[in-house]
Amino acid sequence: MKPARDLFAKCCFTEAQLGALRTLYYKYFAPNMPTVYTGKATVAIWYPSETWQTGKGKDTNHDNYGFVDPKIGEDPLWEEHFGPLLPFMGKDAVITKMPGNSTMDPHVDRSWRAQAIYFPIEGCTPDCYSEYYDIPKQKTLNRQSTTEFPPPIYQYSIVDNGYLTNVHEWHGVRNTANCERIAFGWNFHPKMKWDYLTCRDKLIELGYVRE
């Protein structure tokens, strides 16, 4: 069983940074979010030359809704509030918008997805749990998933700050609250080699995660 430090870490972003992320979300991302929850996350991309086709290309065998808007990256709030972090972050995110009393099944993200920091946007209460599970992984580049929720080995709630999240280990979400929960998963740049501990060390170096 992996220790908690290899799976998740609470960040210490300032209220100004958390507020800036929420402002960016409601300005650019919220208008493009689907209204019906399918149990999957929404992919958002602001690389100028990137494209996204649900069920095709990178999304083959997965069917995740996604959208592309290069103008997102032009907003000065990114540099103003996250300047030192930007060289290590990608221009894409995975957003979980879950209605009350819903779940995201235990899963391991597809291999090409970089590690991510999940920020609380709306409805992130102690009654919405992120979990990790001790389940054997398959050797595959595709997403792995199961509809059964085993007993979690770790459980935490993204309430008052961001969390570095290891997306390449078995994890899931259970929203037991009555309200909708939105979390913004900002992906690291692929040059971070998809390695969780490399990302964790960088966040410690920049002062966003405390040992």
N, C-alpha and C. Protein backbone atom coordinates (compact mmCIF):
# COMPACT_ATOMS: atom_id res chain seq x y z
N MET A 1 0.84 -1.19 0.00
CA MET A 1 0.00 0.00 0.00
C MET A 1 0.88 1.25 0.00
N LYS A 2 0.63 2.16 -0.90
CA LYS A 2 1.42 3.38 -1.01
C LYS A 2 1.13 4.30 0.17
N PRO A 3 2.14 5.02 0.66
CA PRO A 3 1.89 6.01 1.71
C PRO A 3 1.11 7.19 1.15
N ALA A 4 0.45 7.93 2.03
CA ALA A 4 -0.37 9.05 1.60
C ALA A 4 0.43 10.08 0.82
N ARG A 5 1.69 10.29 1.20
CA ARG A 5 2.50 11.32 0.53
C ARG A 5 2.71 11.01 -0.95
N ASP A 6 2.56 9.74 -1.34
CA ASP A 6 2.71 9.36 -2.74
C ASP A 6 1.40 9.49 -3.53
N LEU A 7 0.33 9.89 -2.85
CA LEU A 7 -0.98 9.90 -3.50
C LEU A 7 -1.64 11.27 -3.53
N PHE A 8 -1.50 12.05 -2.48
CA PHE A 8 -2.14 13.37 -2.46
C PHE A 8 -1.43 14.26 -1.45
N ALA A 9 -1.59 15.57 -1.65
CA ALA A 9 -1.00 16.54 -0.73
C ALA A 9 -1.84 17.80 -0.74
N LYS A 10 -2.19 18.29 0.44
CA LYS A 10 -2.93 19.54 0.53
C LYS A 10 -2.01 20.71 0.23
N CYS A 11 -2.48 21.64 -0.59
CA CYS A 11 -1.71 22.82 -0.96
C CYS A 11 -2.03 23.99 -0.02
N CYS A 12 -1.30 25.07 -0.18
CA CYS A 12 -1.52 26.26 0.65
C CYS A 12 -1.55 27.51 -0.23
N PHE A 13 -2.40 27.50 -1.23
CA PHE A 13 -2.59 28.69 -2.05
C PHE A 13 -3.30 29.76 -1.24
N THR A 14 -3.07 31.01 -1.58
CA THR A 14 -3.70 32.11 -0.85
C THR A 14 -5.16 32.26 -1.28
N GLU A 15 -5.91 33.00 -0.47
CA GLU A 15 -7.31 33.26 -0.82
C GLU A 15 -7.40 34.03 -2.12
N ALA A 16 -6.42 34.91 -2.38
CA ALA A 16 -6.42 35.66 -3.64
C ALA A 16 -6.24 34.71 -4.83
N GLN A 17 -5.37 33.72 -4.68
CA GLN A 17 -5.15 32.76 -5.77
C GLN A 17 -6.38 31.89 -5.98
N LEU A 18 -6.97 31.43 -4.90
CA LEU A 18 -8.18 30.61 -5.02
C LEU A 18 -9.31 31.41 -5.65
N GLY A 19 -9.41 32.69 -5.27
CA GLY A 19 -10.43 33.55 -5.86
C GLY A 19 -10.19 33.79 -7.33
N ALA A 20 -8.93 33.95 -7.72
CA ALA A 20 -8.61 34.15 -9.14
C ALA A 20 -8.98 32.93 -9.96
N LEU A 21 -8.74 31.74 -9.41
CA LEU A 21 -9.11 30.52 -10.14
C LEU A 21 -10.61 30.42 -10.32
N ARG A 22 -11.35 30.80 -9.29
CA ARG A 22 -12.82 30.78 -9.40
C ARG A 22 -13.29 31.80 -10.44
N THR A 23 -12.67 32.98 -10.45
CA THR A 23 -13.03 33.99 -11.45
C THR A 23 -12.78 33.47 -12.86
N LEU A 24 -11.63 32.83 -13.07
CA LEU A 24 -11.33 32.26 -14.37
C LEU A 24 -12.33 31.17 -14.74
N TYR A 25 -12.68 30.36 -13.76
CA TYR A 25 -13.64 29.29 -14.04
C TYR A 25 -14.97 29.85 -14.52
N TYR A 26 -15.54 30.78 -13.78
CA TYR A 26 -16.87 31.28 -14.14
C TYR A 26 -16.85 32.11 -15.42
N LYS A 27 -15.72 32.72 -15.74
CA LYS A 27 -15.62 33.54 -16.95
C LYS A 27 -15.48 32.69 -18.20
N TYR A 28 -14.63 31.64 -18.15
CA TYR A 28 -14.29 30.90 -19.36
C TYR A 28 -14.82 29.47 -19.40
N PHE A 29 -14.86 28.80 -18.28
CA PHE A 29 -15.14 27.38 -18.27
C PHE A 29 -16.62 27.07 -18.04
N ALA A 30 -17.21 27.76 -17.08
CA ALA A 30 -18.61 27.49 -16.74
C ALA A 30 -19.55 27.57 -17.94
N PRO A 31 -19.40 28.55 -18.85
CA PRO A 31 -20.32 28.62 -20.00
C PRO A 31 -20.24 27.42 -20.93
N ASN A 32 -19.15 26.66 -20.87
CA ASN A 32 -18.97 25.51 -21.75
C ASN A 32 -19.26 24.17 -21.08
N MET A 33 -19.64 24.19 -19.81
CA MET A 33 -19.83 22.94 -19.09
C MET A 33 -21.17 22.31 -19.43
N PRO A 34 -21.22 20.98 -19.56
CA PRO A 34 -22.49 20.30 -19.84
C PRO A 34 -23.44 20.41 -18.66
N THR A 35 -24.72 20.30 -18.94
CA THR A 35 -25.73 20.42 -17.88
C THR A 35 -26.10 19.07 -17.29
N VAL A 36 -25.76 17.99 -17.97
CA VAL A 36 -26.10 16.64 -17.51
C VAL A 36 -24.83 15.91 -17.09
N TYR A 37 -24.83 15.36 -15.90
CA TYR A 37 -23.68 14.62 -15.38
C TYR A 37 -23.75 13.17 -15.84
N THR A 38 -22.66 12.69 -16.46
CA THR A 38 -22.61 11.33 -16.99
C THR A 38 -21.68 10.43 -16.19
N GLY A 39 -21.18 10.95 -15.06
CA GLY A 39 -20.22 10.16 -14.29
C GLY A 39 -18.79 10.40 -14.69
N LYS A 40 -18.59 11.25 -15.69
CA LYS A 40 -17.24 11.54 -16.19
C LYS A 40 -16.94 13.03 -16.07
N ALA A 41 -15.67 13.36 -16.18
CA ALA A 41 -15.22 14.75 -16.10
C ALA A 41 -15.26 15.40 -17.48
N THR A 42 -15.12 16.72 -17.48
CA THR A 42 -15.06 17.50 -18.72
C THR A 42 -13.63 17.96 -18.96
N VAL A 43 -13.16 17.81 -20.18
CA VAL A 43 -11.81 18.22 -20.55
C VAL A 43 -11.84 19.64 -21.10
N ALA A 44 -10.99 20.51 -20.57
CA ALA A 44 -10.88 21.89 -21.05
C ALA A 44 -9.45 22.14 -21.50
N ILE A 45 -9.29 22.75 -22.68
CA ILE A 45 -7.96 22.94 -23.28
C ILE A 45 -7.82 24.38 -23.74
N TRP A 46 -6.67 25.00 -23.44
CA TRP A 46 -6.41 26.33 -23.98
C TRP A 46 -5.05 26.44 -24.67
N TYR A 47 -4.51 25.29 -25.13
CA TYR A 47 -3.37 25.31 -26.03
C TYR A 47 -3.84 25.86 -27.38
N PRO A 48 -3.13 26.81 -27.99
CA PRO A 48 -3.59 27.43 -29.24
C PRO A 48 -3.79 26.46 -30.40
N SER A 49 -2.96 25.41 -30.50
CA SER A 49 -3.02 24.52 -31.65
C SER A 49 -3.68 23.18 -31.35
N GLU A 50 -4.23 23.02 -30.15
CA GLU A 50 -4.82 21.74 -29.76
C GLU A 50 -6.25 21.61 -30.24
N THR A 51 -6.70 20.38 -30.41
CA THR A 51 -8.09 20.09 -30.76
C THR A 51 -8.60 19.01 -29.83
N TRP A 52 -9.92 18.87 -29.79
CA TRP A 52 -10.53 17.81 -28.98
C TRP A 52 -11.77 17.30 -29.69
N GLN A 53 -11.83 15.99 -29.88
CA GLN A 53 -13.01 15.35 -30.46
C GLN A 53 -13.42 14.22 -29.54
N THR A 54 -14.60 14.33 -28.98
CA THR A 54 -15.09 13.30 -28.07
C THR A 54 -15.13 11.95 -28.76
N GLY A 55 -14.50 10.96 -28.16
CA GLY A 55 -14.49 9.60 -28.69
C GLY A 55 -13.46 9.35 -29.77
N LYS A 56 -12.65 10.37 -30.10
CA LYS A 56 -11.66 10.20 -31.16
C LYS A 56 -10.30 10.69 -30.67
N GLY A 57 -9.25 10.34 -31.39
CA GLY A 57 -7.91 10.80 -31.03
C GLY A 57 -7.53 10.39 -29.63
N LYS A 58 -7.12 11.36 -28.82
CA LYS A 58 -6.75 11.07 -27.43
C LYS A 58 -7.91 10.52 -26.62
N ASP A 59 -9.13 10.78 -27.08
CA ASP A 59 -10.31 10.36 -26.32
C ASP A 59 -10.88 9.03 -26.80
N THR A 60 -10.19 8.35 -27.69
CA THR A 60 -10.66 7.05 -28.17
C THR A 60 -10.95 6.10 -27.00
N ASN A 61 -12.10 5.48 -27.02
CA ASN A 61 -12.54 4.51 -26.00
C ASN A 61 -12.98 5.16 -24.68
N HIS A 62 -13.09 6.48 -24.64
CA HIS A 62 -13.42 7.11 -23.37
C HIS A 62 -14.68 7.96 -23.40
N ASP A 63 -14.93 8.71 -24.46
CA ASP A 63 -16.15 9.52 -24.60
C ASP A 63 -16.30 10.60 -23.54
N ASN A 64 -15.23 11.34 -23.30
CA ASN A 64 -15.31 12.50 -22.42
C ASN A 64 -15.62 13.75 -23.24
N TYR A 65 -16.61 14.51 -22.78
CA TYR A 65 -16.90 15.79 -23.43
C TYR A 65 -15.74 16.75 -23.17
N GLY A 66 -15.41 17.57 -24.16
CA GLY A 66 -14.35 18.55 -23.97
C GLY A 66 -14.51 19.74 -24.89
N PHE A 67 -13.79 20.79 -24.59
CA PHE A 67 -13.84 22.00 -25.42
C PHE A 67 -12.48 22.67 -25.43
N VAL A 68 -12.23 23.51 -26.46
CA VAL A 68 -10.96 24.21 -26.64
C VAL A 68 -11.24 25.70 -26.76
N ASP A 69 -10.50 26.53 -26.01
CA ASP A 69 -10.63 27.98 -26.09
C ASP A 69 -9.28 28.63 -25.80
N PRO A 70 -8.48 28.90 -26.84
CA PRO A 70 -7.14 29.47 -26.62
C PRO A 70 -7.15 30.82 -25.91
N LYS A 71 -8.25 31.56 -25.97
CA LYS A 71 -8.31 32.88 -25.33
C LYS A 71 -8.18 32.78 -23.81
N ILE A 72 -8.46 31.62 -23.26
CA ILE A 72 -8.35 31.45 -21.81
C ILE A 72 -6.94 31.80 -21.34
N GLY A 73 -5.94 31.36 -22.09
CA GLY A 73 -4.56 31.57 -21.69
C GLY A 73 -4.10 33.01 -21.75
N GLU A 74 -4.87 33.88 -22.38
CA GLU A 74 -4.49 35.28 -22.52
C GLU A 74 -4.89 36.12 -21.32
N ASP A 75 -5.67 35.55 -20.43
CA ASP A 75 -6.14 36.34 -19.29
C ASP A 75 -4.97 36.66 -18.35
N PRO A 76 -4.81 37.93 -17.96
CA PRO A 76 -3.68 38.32 -17.09
C PRO A 76 -3.73 37.72 -15.68
N LEU A 77 -4.87 37.20 -15.28
CA LEU A 77 -4.96 36.61 -13.93
C LEU A 77 -4.01 35.43 -13.77
N TRP A 78 -3.73 34.69 -14.84
CA TRP A 78 -2.81 33.56 -14.73
C TRP A 78 -1.44 34.03 -14.27
N GLU A 79 -0.90 35.02 -14.97
CA GLU A 79 0.44 35.52 -14.64
C GLU A 79 0.44 36.25 -13.31
N GLU A 80 -0.61 37.01 -13.05
CA GLU A 80 -0.68 37.81 -11.82
C GLU A 80 -0.66 36.94 -10.57
N HIS A 81 -1.38 35.83 -10.62
CA HIS A 81 -1.54 35.02 -9.41
C HIS A 81 -0.76 33.71 -9.42
N PHE A 82 -0.33 33.25 -10.60
CA PHE A 82 0.34 31.94 -10.67
C PHE A 82 1.64 32.00 -11.45
N GLY A 83 2.23 33.19 -11.61
CA GLY A 83 3.42 33.36 -12.44
C GLY A 83 4.53 32.35 -12.19
N PRO A 84 4.99 32.15 -10.94
CA PRO A 84 6.08 31.20 -10.69
C PRO A 84 5.71 29.75 -11.01
N LEU A 85 4.42 29.45 -11.00
CA LEU A 85 3.96 28.08 -11.24
C LEU A 85 3.74 27.78 -12.73
N LEU A 86 3.49 28.80 -13.53
CA LEU A 86 3.09 28.61 -14.93
C LEU A 86 4.08 27.79 -15.76
N PRO A 87 5.41 27.93 -15.59
CA PRO A 87 6.32 27.12 -16.42
C PRO A 87 6.17 25.62 -16.24
N PHE A 88 5.51 25.21 -15.16
CA PHE A 88 5.39 23.78 -14.86
C PHE A 88 3.98 23.24 -15.08
N MET A 89 3.06 24.12 -15.48
CA MET A 89 1.67 23.73 -15.65
C MET A 89 1.28 23.68 -17.12
N GLY A 90 0.37 22.78 -17.45
CA GLY A 90 -0.15 22.70 -18.80
C GLY A 90 -1.25 23.72 -19.03
N LYS A 91 -1.70 23.79 -20.26
CA LYS A 91 -2.82 24.65 -20.61
C LYS A 91 -4.05 23.79 -20.86
N ASP A 92 -4.36 22.99 -19.86
CA ASP A 92 -5.53 22.11 -19.93
C ASP A 92 -5.94 21.72 -18.52
N ALA A 93 -7.18 21.28 -18.41
CA ALA A 93 -7.73 20.92 -17.10
C ALA A 93 -8.79 19.85 -17.28
N VAL A 94 -9.08 19.17 -16.19
CA VAL A 94 -10.17 18.20 -16.13
C VAL A 94 -11.09 18.65 -15.00
N ILE A 95 -12.34 18.91 -15.32
CA ILE A 95 -13.27 19.52 -14.38
C ILE A 95 -14.34 18.52 -13.98
N THR A 96 -14.51 18.31 -12.67
CA THR A 96 -15.57 17.43 -12.19
C THR A 96 -16.70 18.28 -11.63
N LYS A 97 -17.83 18.19 -12.29
CA LYS A 97 -19.04 18.92 -11.88
C LYS A 97 -20.10 17.89 -11.54
N MET A 98 -20.22 17.60 -10.23
CA MET A 98 -21.04 16.49 -9.76
C MET A 98 -22.26 17.00 -9.01
N PRO A 99 -23.45 16.57 -9.39
CA PRO A 99 -24.64 16.95 -8.62
C PRO A 99 -24.62 16.30 -7.24
N GLY A 100 -25.49 16.75 -6.37
CA GLY A 100 -25.58 16.16 -5.05
C GLY A 100 -25.93 14.69 -5.12
N ASN A 101 -25.40 13.92 -4.17
CA ASN A 101 -25.67 12.48 -4.06
C ASN A 101 -25.32 11.73 -5.35
N SER A 102 -24.12 12.00 -5.85
CA SER A 102 -23.63 11.31 -7.04
C SER A 102 -22.22 10.81 -6.79
N THR A 103 -21.72 10.00 -7.68
CA THR A 103 -20.38 9.43 -7.53
C THR A 103 -19.60 9.53 -8.83
N MET A 104 -18.30 9.48 -8.71
CA MET A 104 -17.41 9.22 -9.84
C MET A 104 -16.72 7.91 -9.52
N ASP A 105 -16.96 6.90 -10.34
CA ASP A 105 -16.50 5.54 -10.04
C ASP A 105 -14.98 5.48 -9.84
N PRO A 106 -14.52 4.54 -9.02
CA PRO A 106 -13.08 4.33 -8.87
C PRO A 106 -12.42 4.11 -10.23
N HIS A 107 -11.30 4.79 -10.45
CA HIS A 107 -10.65 4.71 -11.75
C HIS A 107 -9.18 5.10 -11.66
N VAL A 108 -8.44 4.77 -12.71
CA VAL A 108 -7.07 5.22 -12.94
C VAL A 108 -7.10 5.97 -14.27
N ASP A 109 -6.62 7.21 -14.28
CA ASP A 109 -6.68 7.99 -15.51
C ASP A 109 -5.77 7.42 -16.59
N ARG A 110 -6.13 7.68 -17.85
CA ARG A 110 -5.33 7.22 -18.98
C ARG A 110 -3.90 7.73 -18.87
N SER A 111 -2.98 6.99 -19.46
CA SER A 111 -1.55 7.21 -19.18
C SER A 111 -1.03 8.55 -19.65
N TRP A 112 -1.63 9.14 -20.69
CA TRP A 112 -1.08 10.39 -21.22
C TRP A 112 -1.44 11.61 -20.38
N ARG A 113 -2.41 11.46 -19.47
CA ARG A 113 -2.77 12.61 -18.65
C ARG A 113 -1.69 12.91 -17.61
N ALA A 114 -1.30 14.17 -17.52
CA ALA A 114 -0.33 14.57 -16.51
C ALA A 114 -0.99 14.61 -15.13
N GLN A 115 -0.18 14.70 -14.09
CA GLN A 115 -0.71 14.86 -12.74
C GLN A 115 -1.41 16.21 -12.62
N ALA A 116 -2.20 16.40 -11.56
CA ALA A 116 -3.06 17.58 -11.50
C ALA A 116 -3.18 18.13 -10.09
N ILE A 117 -3.48 19.42 -10.02
CA ILE A 117 -3.89 20.07 -8.78
C ILE A 117 -5.38 20.34 -8.89
N TYR A 118 -6.15 19.84 -7.94
CA TYR A 118 -7.59 20.07 -7.93
C TYR A 118 -7.93 21.22 -6.99
N PHE A 119 -8.59 22.23 -7.55
CA PHE A 119 -8.98 23.42 -6.80
C PHE A 119 -10.48 23.39 -6.49
N PRO A 120 -10.87 23.80 -5.27
CA PRO A 120 -12.30 23.89 -4.97
C PRO A 120 -12.92 25.09 -5.67
N ILE A 121 -14.03 24.87 -6.36
CA ILE A 121 -14.72 25.95 -7.06
C ILE A 121 -16.08 26.23 -6.40
N GLU A 122 -16.88 25.20 -6.24
CA GLU A 122 -18.23 25.40 -5.70
C GLU A 122 -18.71 24.11 -5.03
N GLY A 123 -19.36 24.23 -3.89
CA GLY A 123 -19.98 23.09 -3.23
C GLY A 123 -19.00 22.06 -2.71
N CYS A 124 -17.75 22.46 -2.49
CA CYS A 124 -16.75 21.51 -1.98
C CYS A 124 -16.86 21.46 -0.46
N THR A 125 -17.62 20.53 0.04
CA THR A 125 -17.91 20.40 1.46
C THR A 125 -17.26 19.14 2.03
N PRO A 126 -17.21 19.02 3.36
CA PRO A 126 -16.68 17.79 3.96
C PRO A 126 -17.50 16.55 3.61
N ASP A 127 -18.69 16.75 3.05
CA ASP A 127 -19.54 15.62 2.69
C ASP A 127 -19.28 15.11 1.27
N CYS A 128 -18.28 15.69 0.61
CA CYS A 128 -17.85 15.17 -0.69
C CYS A 128 -16.44 14.63 -0.52
N TYR A 129 -16.27 13.32 -0.70
CA TYR A 129 -15.02 12.66 -0.38
C TYR A 129 -14.25 12.26 -1.63
N SER A 130 -12.97 12.60 -1.66
CA SER A 130 -12.05 12.00 -2.61
C SER A 130 -11.39 10.82 -1.92
N GLU A 131 -11.21 9.72 -2.64
CA GLU A 131 -10.73 8.49 -2.01
C GLU A 131 -9.66 7.82 -2.86
N TYR A 132 -8.80 7.06 -2.19
CA TYR A 132 -7.85 6.17 -2.87
C TYR A 132 -8.12 4.74 -2.41
N TYR A 133 -7.81 3.79 -3.33
CA TYR A 133 -8.12 2.38 -3.08
C TYR A 133 -6.89 1.52 -3.38
N ASP A 134 -6.80 0.42 -2.67
CA ASP A 134 -5.71 -0.53 -2.89
C ASP A 134 -6.21 -1.62 -3.84
N ILE A 135 -6.13 -1.35 -5.14
CA ILE A 135 -6.59 -2.28 -6.18
C ILE A 135 -5.44 -2.51 -7.15
N PRO A 136 -5.19 -3.75 -7.59
CA PRO A 136 -4.12 -3.99 -8.58
C PRO A 136 -4.41 -3.24 -9.88
N LYS A 137 -3.34 -2.70 -10.48
CA LYS A 137 -3.48 -2.00 -11.75
C LYS A 137 -3.11 -2.92 -12.90
N GLN A 138 -3.73 -2.68 -14.07
CA GLN A 138 -3.40 -3.39 -15.28
C GLN A 138 -2.32 -2.64 -16.04
N LYS A 139 -1.63 -3.34 -16.92
CA LYS A 139 -0.65 -2.70 -17.80
C LYS A 139 -1.39 -2.25 -19.07
N THR A 140 -1.88 -1.02 -19.04
CA THR A 140 -2.64 -0.49 -20.17
C THR A 140 -2.45 1.02 -20.24
N LEU A 141 -2.57 1.57 -21.44
CA LEU A 141 -2.50 3.02 -21.63
C LEU A 141 -3.87 3.65 -21.42
N ASN A 142 -4.92 2.83 -21.43
CA ASN A 142 -6.28 3.33 -21.31
C ASN A 142 -6.68 3.55 -19.85
N ARG A 143 -7.77 4.22 -19.68
CA ARG A 143 -8.35 4.42 -18.36
C ARG A 143 -8.83 3.08 -17.81
N GLN A 144 -8.64 2.85 -16.53
CA GLN A 144 -9.16 1.68 -15.85
C GLN A 144 -10.27 2.13 -14.91
N SER A 145 -11.32 1.33 -14.79
CA SER A 145 -12.42 1.74 -13.92
C SER A 145 -13.19 0.53 -13.42
N THR A 146 -13.94 0.75 -12.34
CA THR A 146 -14.83 -0.26 -11.80
C THR A 146 -16.03 0.44 -11.19
N THR A 147 -17.17 -0.23 -11.18
CA THR A 147 -18.37 0.37 -10.60
C THR A 147 -18.50 0.06 -9.11
N GLU A 148 -17.60 -0.77 -8.58
CA GLU A 148 -17.65 -1.14 -7.18
C GLU A 148 -16.72 -0.24 -6.35
N PHE A 149 -17.21 0.22 -5.22
CA PHE A 149 -16.41 1.06 -4.33
C PHE A 149 -15.85 0.19 -3.21
N PRO A 150 -14.57 -0.15 -3.25
CA PRO A 150 -13.98 -0.91 -2.15
C PRO A 150 -13.73 0.01 -0.96
N PRO A 151 -13.41 -0.53 0.20
CA PRO A 151 -13.07 0.33 1.34
C PRO A 151 -11.87 1.21 0.98
N PRO A 152 -11.95 2.51 1.22
CA PRO A 152 -10.83 3.38 0.87
C PRO A 152 -9.66 3.21 1.82
N ILE A 153 -8.45 3.37 1.29
CA ILE A 153 -7.27 3.36 2.16
C ILE A 153 -6.98 4.78 2.65
N TYR A 154 -7.44 5.79 1.89
CA TYR A 154 -7.35 7.19 2.31
C TYR A 154 -8.60 7.91 1.84
N GLN A 155 -9.00 8.89 2.60
CA GLN A 155 -10.20 9.67 2.27
C GLN A 155 -9.96 11.11 2.73
N TYR A 156 -10.27 12.06 1.86
CA TYR A 156 -10.09 13.47 2.20
C TYR A 156 -11.09 14.30 1.41
N SER A 157 -11.28 15.55 1.83
CA SER A 157 -12.22 16.44 1.17
C SER A 157 -11.51 17.71 0.70
N ILE A 158 -11.72 18.07 -0.55
CA ILE A 158 -11.16 19.31 -1.09
C ILE A 158 -12.13 20.42 -0.72
N VAL A 159 -11.86 21.10 0.38
CA VAL A 159 -12.80 22.08 0.91
C VAL A 159 -12.25 23.50 0.80
N ASP A 160 -11.13 23.76 1.49
CA ASP A 160 -10.65 25.14 1.63
C ASP A 160 -9.37 25.43 0.87
N ASN A 161 -8.84 24.44 0.12
CA ASN A 161 -7.63 24.69 -0.65
C ASN A 161 -7.47 23.62 -1.72
N GLY A 162 -6.47 23.82 -2.59
CA GLY A 162 -6.22 22.85 -3.64
C GLY A 162 -5.52 21.61 -3.09
N TYR A 163 -5.58 20.53 -3.87
CA TYR A 163 -4.90 19.29 -3.52
C TYR A 163 -4.15 18.76 -4.74
N LEU A 164 -2.87 18.49 -4.57
CA LEU A 164 -2.14 17.73 -5.58
C LEU A 164 -2.66 16.30 -5.53
N THR A 165 -3.03 15.78 -6.70
CA THR A 165 -3.71 14.49 -6.76
C THR A 165 -2.99 13.56 -7.72
N ASN A 166 -2.63 12.37 -7.26
CA ASN A 166 -2.00 11.37 -8.13
C ASN A 166 -3.10 10.67 -8.92
N VAL A 167 -3.23 11.04 -10.20
CA VAL A 167 -4.34 10.53 -11.02
C VAL A 167 -4.03 9.16 -11.62
N HIS A 168 -2.81 8.64 -11.39
CA HIS A 168 -2.43 7.36 -11.96
C HIS A 168 -2.49 6.22 -10.96
N GLU A 169 -3.15 6.47 -9.84
CA GLU A 169 -3.47 5.41 -8.89
C GLU A 169 -5.00 5.36 -8.74
N TRP A 170 -5.51 4.26 -8.20
CA TRP A 170 -6.96 4.07 -8.10
C TRP A 170 -7.57 5.12 -7.16
N HIS A 171 -8.50 5.90 -7.69
CA HIS A 171 -9.16 6.94 -6.90
C HIS A 171 -10.59 7.13 -7.40
N GLY A 172 -11.41 7.75 -6.59
CA GLY A 172 -12.80 8.03 -6.95
C GLY A 172 -13.34 9.14 -6.07
N VAL A 173 -14.60 9.52 -6.32
CA VAL A 173 -15.22 10.61 -5.56
C VAL A 173 -16.65 10.21 -5.21
N ARG A 174 -17.05 10.52 -3.99
CA ARG A 174 -18.44 10.31 -3.56
C ARG A 174 -18.98 11.61 -2.98
N ASN A 175 -19.95 12.19 -3.65
CA ASN A 175 -20.58 13.41 -3.15
C ASN A 175 -21.85 13.04 -2.41
N THR A 176 -21.76 12.99 -1.09
CA THR A 176 -22.92 12.62 -0.27
C THR A 176 -23.73 13.83 0.15
N ALA A 177 -23.31 15.03 -0.26
CA ALA A 177 -24.05 16.25 0.05
C ALA A 177 -25.22 16.42 -0.92
N ASN A 178 -26.12 17.31 -0.59
CA ASN A 178 -27.26 17.60 -1.47
C ASN A 178 -26.92 18.63 -2.55
N CYS A 179 -25.77 19.32 -2.41
CA CYS A 179 -25.43 20.39 -3.34
C CYS A 179 -24.46 19.91 -4.42
N GLU A 180 -24.44 20.65 -5.52
CA GLU A 180 -23.52 20.35 -6.61
C GLU A 180 -22.09 20.69 -6.20
N ARG A 181 -21.15 19.86 -6.61
CA ARG A 181 -19.75 20.07 -6.28
C ARG A 181 -18.95 20.21 -7.57
N ILE A 182 -18.14 21.29 -7.64
CA ILE A 182 -17.31 21.54 -8.80
C ILE A 182 -15.86 21.66 -8.35
N ALA A 183 -14.98 20.85 -8.94
CA ALA A 183 -13.55 20.92 -8.66
C ALA A 183 -12.80 21.05 -9.99
N PHE A 184 -11.80 21.92 -10.00
CA PHE A 184 -11.05 22.25 -11.21
C PHE A 184 -9.69 21.58 -11.15
N GLY A 185 -9.46 20.57 -11.99
CA GLY A 185 -8.20 19.83 -11.99
C GLY A 185 -7.23 20.36 -13.02
N TRP A 186 -6.39 21.31 -12.61
CA TRP A 186 -5.40 21.92 -13.51
C TRP A 186 -4.23 20.97 -13.68
N ASN A 187 -3.96 20.56 -14.92
CA ASN A 187 -2.92 19.58 -15.20
C ASN A 187 -1.53 20.20 -15.24
N PHE A 188 -0.55 19.44 -14.78
CA PHE A 188 0.84 19.85 -14.95
C PHE A 188 1.24 19.73 -16.41
N HIS A 189 2.34 20.40 -16.77
CA HIS A 189 2.90 20.27 -18.12
C HIS A 189 3.47 18.86 -18.28
N PRO A 190 3.32 18.27 -19.48
CA PRO A 190 3.86 16.92 -19.68
C PRO A 190 5.35 16.78 -19.41
N LYS A 191 6.11 17.88 -19.45
CA LYS A 191 7.55 17.79 -19.18
C LYS A 191 7.83 17.35 -17.74
N MET A 192 6.79 17.42 -16.88
CA MET A 192 6.95 16.92 -15.52
C MET A 192 6.94 15.40 -15.48
N LYS A 193 6.79 14.78 -16.66
CA LYS A 193 6.93 13.33 -16.84
C LYS A 193 5.86 12.51 -16.12
N TRP A 194 4.73 13.15 -15.85
CA TRP A 194 3.61 12.46 -15.24
C TRP A 194 3.94 11.87 -13.88
N ASP A 195 5.05 12.26 -13.29
CA ASP A 195 5.48 11.67 -12.03
C ASP A 195 4.95 12.48 -10.86
N TYR A 196 4.22 11.85 -9.98
CA TYR A 196 3.60 12.55 -8.86
C TYR A 196 4.63 13.19 -7.94
N LEU A 197 5.67 12.44 -7.58
CA LEU A 197 6.62 12.96 -6.61
C LEU A 197 7.43 14.13 -7.18
N THR A 198 7.71 14.11 -8.49
CA THR A 198 8.36 15.26 -9.11
C THR A 198 7.50 16.50 -8.96
N CYS A 199 6.20 16.35 -9.21
CA CYS A 199 5.27 17.47 -9.06
C CYS A 199 5.21 17.93 -7.61
N ARG A 200 5.17 16.99 -6.69
CA ARG A 200 5.11 17.33 -5.27
C ARG A 200 6.35 18.10 -4.85
N ASP A 201 7.52 17.66 -5.28
CA ASP A 201 8.76 18.34 -4.93
C ASP A 201 8.78 19.77 -5.48
N LYS A 202 8.26 19.94 -6.68
CA LYS A 202 8.23 21.28 -7.27
C LYS A 202 7.30 22.19 -6.48
N LEU A 203 6.15 21.68 -6.06
CA LEU A 203 5.22 22.49 -5.26
C LEU A 203 5.81 22.83 -3.90
N ILE A 204 6.58 21.92 -3.31
CA ILE A 204 7.26 22.22 -2.06
C ILE A 204 8.29 23.32 -2.28
N GLU A 205 9.07 23.21 -3.37
CA GLU A 205 10.08 24.21 -3.69
C GLU A 205 9.48 25.60 -3.87
N LEU A 206 8.29 25.66 -4.48
CA LEU A 206 7.63 26.94 -4.74
C LEU A 206 6.82 27.43 -3.55
N GLY A 207 6.71 26.61 -2.51
CA GLY A 207 6.00 27.02 -1.31
C GLY A 207 4.51 26.76 -1.32
N TYR A 208 4.03 25.92 -2.26
CA TYR A 208 2.60 25.63 -2.35
C TYR A 208 2.20 24.36 -1.62
N VAL A 209 3.18 23.55 -1.22
CA VAL A 209 2.93 22.37 -0.39
C VAL A 209 3.97 22.38 0.73
N ARG A 210 3.50 22.14 1.94
CA ARG A 210 4.42 22.06 3.08
C ARG A 210 4.72 20.61 3.39
N GLU A 211 5.95 20.33 3.74
CA GLU A 211 6.37 18.94 4.05
C GLU A 211 5.57 18.42 5.24
